[in-house]
């Protein structure tokens, strides 16, 4: 298993979630 790839995938997912939350916050 490529743990580095897994880590990058998790990081990308987290960044996407943060971005989505920030975008949602901007609408208020």
PDB file of N, CA and C in Angstrom:
ATOM      1  N   UNK A   1       0.848  -1.201   0.000  1.00  0.00           N
ATOM      2  CA  UNK A   1       0.000   0.000   0.000  1.00  0.00           C
ATOM      3  C   UNK A   1       0.877   1.242   0.000  1.00  0.00           C
ATOM      4  N   UNK A   2       0.500   2.204  -0.805  1.00  0.00           N
ATOM      5  CA  UNK A   2       1.281   3.440  -0.884  1.00  0.00           C
ATOM      6  C   UNK A   2       0.698   4.422   0.131  1.00  0.00           C
ATOM      7  N   UNK A   3       1.328   4.489   1.300  1.00  0.00           N
ATOM      8  CA  UNK A   3       0.803   5.351   2.363  1.00  0.00           C
ATOM      9  C   UNK A   3       0.893   6.821   2.001  1.00  0.00           C
ATOM     10  N   UNK A   4       1.883   7.171   1.176  1.00  0.00           N
ATOM     11  CA  UNK A   4       2.016   8.571   0.776  1.00  0.00           C
ATOM     12  C   UNK A   4       0.822   8.983  -0.082  1.00  0.00           C
ATOM     13  N   UNK A   5       0.418   8.081  -0.985  1.00  0.00           N
ATOM     14  CA  UNK A   5      -0.732   8.384  -1.842  1.00  0.00           C
ATOM     15  C   UNK A   5      -1.983   8.488  -0.987  1.00  0.00           C
ATOM     16  N   UNK A   6      -2.130   7.586  -0.016  1.00  0.00           N
ATOM     17  CA  UNK A   6      -3.292   7.620   0.869  1.00  0.00           C
ATOM     18  C   UNK A   6      -3.320   8.927   1.642  1.00  0.00           C
ATOM     19  N   UNK A   7      -2.165   9.333   2.135  1.00  0.00           N
ATOM     20  CA  UNK A   7      -2.074  10.587   2.885  1.00  0.00           C
ATOM     21  C   UNK A   7      -2.465  11.766   2.003  1.00  0.00           C
ATOM     22  N   UNK A   8      -1.998  11.761   0.772  1.00  0.00           N
ATOM     23  CA  UNK A   8      -2.335  12.855  -0.148  1.00  0.00           C
ATOM     24  C   UNK A   8      -3.831  12.880  -0.434  1.00  0.00           C
ATOM     25  N   UNK A   9      -4.420  11.688  -0.575  1.00  0.00           N
ATOM     26  CA  UNK A   9      -5.856  11.611  -0.846  1.00  0.00           C
ATOM     27  C   UNK A   9      -6.640  12.177   0.332  1.00  0.00           C
ATOM     28  N   UNK A  10      -6.243  11.806   1.535  1.00  0.00           N
ATOM     29  CA  UNK A  10      -6.920  12.314   2.722  1.00  0.00           C
ATOM     30  C   UNK A  10      -6.742  13.819   2.841  1.00  0.00           C
ATOM     31  N   UNK A  11      -5.538  14.284   2.544  1.00  0.00           N
ATOM     32  CA  UNK A  11      -5.256  15.721   2.613  1.00  0.00           C
ATOM     33  C   UNK A  11      -6.106  16.476   1.600  1.00  0.00           C
ATOM     34  N   UNK A  12      -6.198  15.939   0.390  1.00  0.00           N
ATOM     35  CA  UNK A  12      -7.008  16.586  -0.651  1.00  0.00           C
ATOM     36  C   UNK A  12      -8.472  16.627  -0.221  1.00  0.00           C
ATOM     37  N   UNK A  13      -8.940  15.530   0.371  1.00  0.00           N
ATOM     38  CA  UNK A  13     -10.323  15.481   0.816  1.00  0.00           C
ATOM     39  C   UNK A  13     -10.584  16.503   1.904  1.00  0.00           C
ATOM     40  N   UNK A  14      -9.638  16.619   2.824  1.00  0.00           N
ATOM     41  CA  UNK A  14      -9.783  17.583   3.915  1.00  0.00           C
ATOM     42  C   UNK A  14      -9.771  19.004   3.369  1.00  0.00           C
ATOM     43  N   UNK A  15      -8.856  19.286   2.461  1.00  0.00           N
ATOM     44  CA  UNK A  15      -8.777  20.624   1.860  1.00  0.00           C
ATOM     45  C   UNK A  15     -10.070  20.960   1.126  1.00  0.00           C
ATOM     46  N   UNK A  16     -10.632  19.971   0.435  1.00  0.00           N
ATOM     47  CA  UNK A  16     -11.871  20.202  -0.302  1.00  0.00           C
ATOM     48  C   UNK A  16     -12.997  20.517   0.679  1.00  0.00           C
ATOM     49  N   UNK A  17     -13.039  19.788   1.802  1.00  0.00           N
ATOM     50  CA  UNK A  17     -14.075  20.024   2.799  1.00  0.00           C
ATOM     51  C   UNK A  17     -13.939  21.414   3.398  1.00  0.00           C
ATOM     52  N   UNK A  18     -12.716  21.809   3.723  1.00  0.00           N
ATOM     53  CA  UNK A  18     -12.468  23.141   4.286  1.00  0.00           C
ATOM     54  C   UNK A  18     -12.881  24.215   3.285  1.00  0.00           C
ATOM     55  N   UNK A  19     -12.529  24.007   2.017  1.00  0.00           N
ATOM     56  CA  UNK A  19     -12.882  24.974   0.979  1.00  0.00           C
ATOM     57  C   UNK A  19     -14.396  25.089   0.860  1.00  0.00           C
ATOM     58  N   UNK A  20     -15.077  23.930   0.893  1.00  0.00           N
ATOM     59  CA  UNK A  20     -16.532  23.924   0.776  1.00  0.00           C
ATOM     60  C   UNK A  20     -17.164  24.648   1.965  1.00  0.00           C
ATOM     61  N   UNK A  21     -16.644  24.394   3.163  1.00  0.00           N
ATOM     62  CA  UNK A  21     -17.155  25.058   4.365  1.00  0.00           C
ATOM     63  C   UNK A  21     -16.926  26.568   4.275  1.00  0.00           C
ATOM     64  N   UNK A  22     -15.756  26.955   3.813  1.00  0.00           N
ATOM     65  CA  UNK A  22     -15.439  28.382   3.700  1.00  0.00           C
ATOM     66  C   UNK A  22     -16.359  29.037   2.677  1.00  0.00           C
ATOM     67  N   UNK A  23     -16.609  28.356   1.573  1.00  0.00           N
ATOM     68  CA  UNK A  23     -17.491  28.898   0.542  1.00  0.00           C
ATOM     69  C   UNK A  23     -18.909  29.034   1.088  1.00  0.00           C
ATOM     70  N   UNK A  24     -19.342  28.055   1.863  1.00  0.00           N
ATOM     71  CA  UNK A  24     -20.674  28.107   2.456  1.00  0.00           C
ATOM     72  C   UNK A  24     -20.767  29.274   3.438  1.00  0.00           C
ATOM     73  N   UNK A  25     -19.718  29.494   4.190  1.00  0.00           N
ATOM     74  CA  UNK A  25     -19.706  30.579   5.175  1.00  0.00           C
ATOM     75  C   UNK A  25     -19.808  31.940   4.482  1.00  0.00           C
ATOM     76  N   UNK A  26     -19.244  32.041   3.283  1.00  0.00           N
ATOM     77  CA  UNK A  26     -19.273  33.305   2.550  1.00  0.00           C
ATOM     78  C   UNK A  26     -20.694  33.687   2.133  1.00  0.00           C
ATOM     79  N   UNK A  27     -21.581  32.696   2.062  1.00  0.00           N
ATOM     80  CA  UNK A  27     -22.931  32.983   1.598  1.00  0.00           C
ATOM     81  C   UNK A  27     -23.798  33.609   2.684  1.00  0.00           C
ATOM     82  N   UNK A  28     -23.322  33.572   3.918  1.00  0.00           N
ATOM     83  CA  UNK A  28     -24.127  34.122   5.019  1.00  0.00           C
ATOM     84  C   UNK A  28     -23.896  35.609   5.181  1.00  0.00           C
TER      85      UNK A  28
END
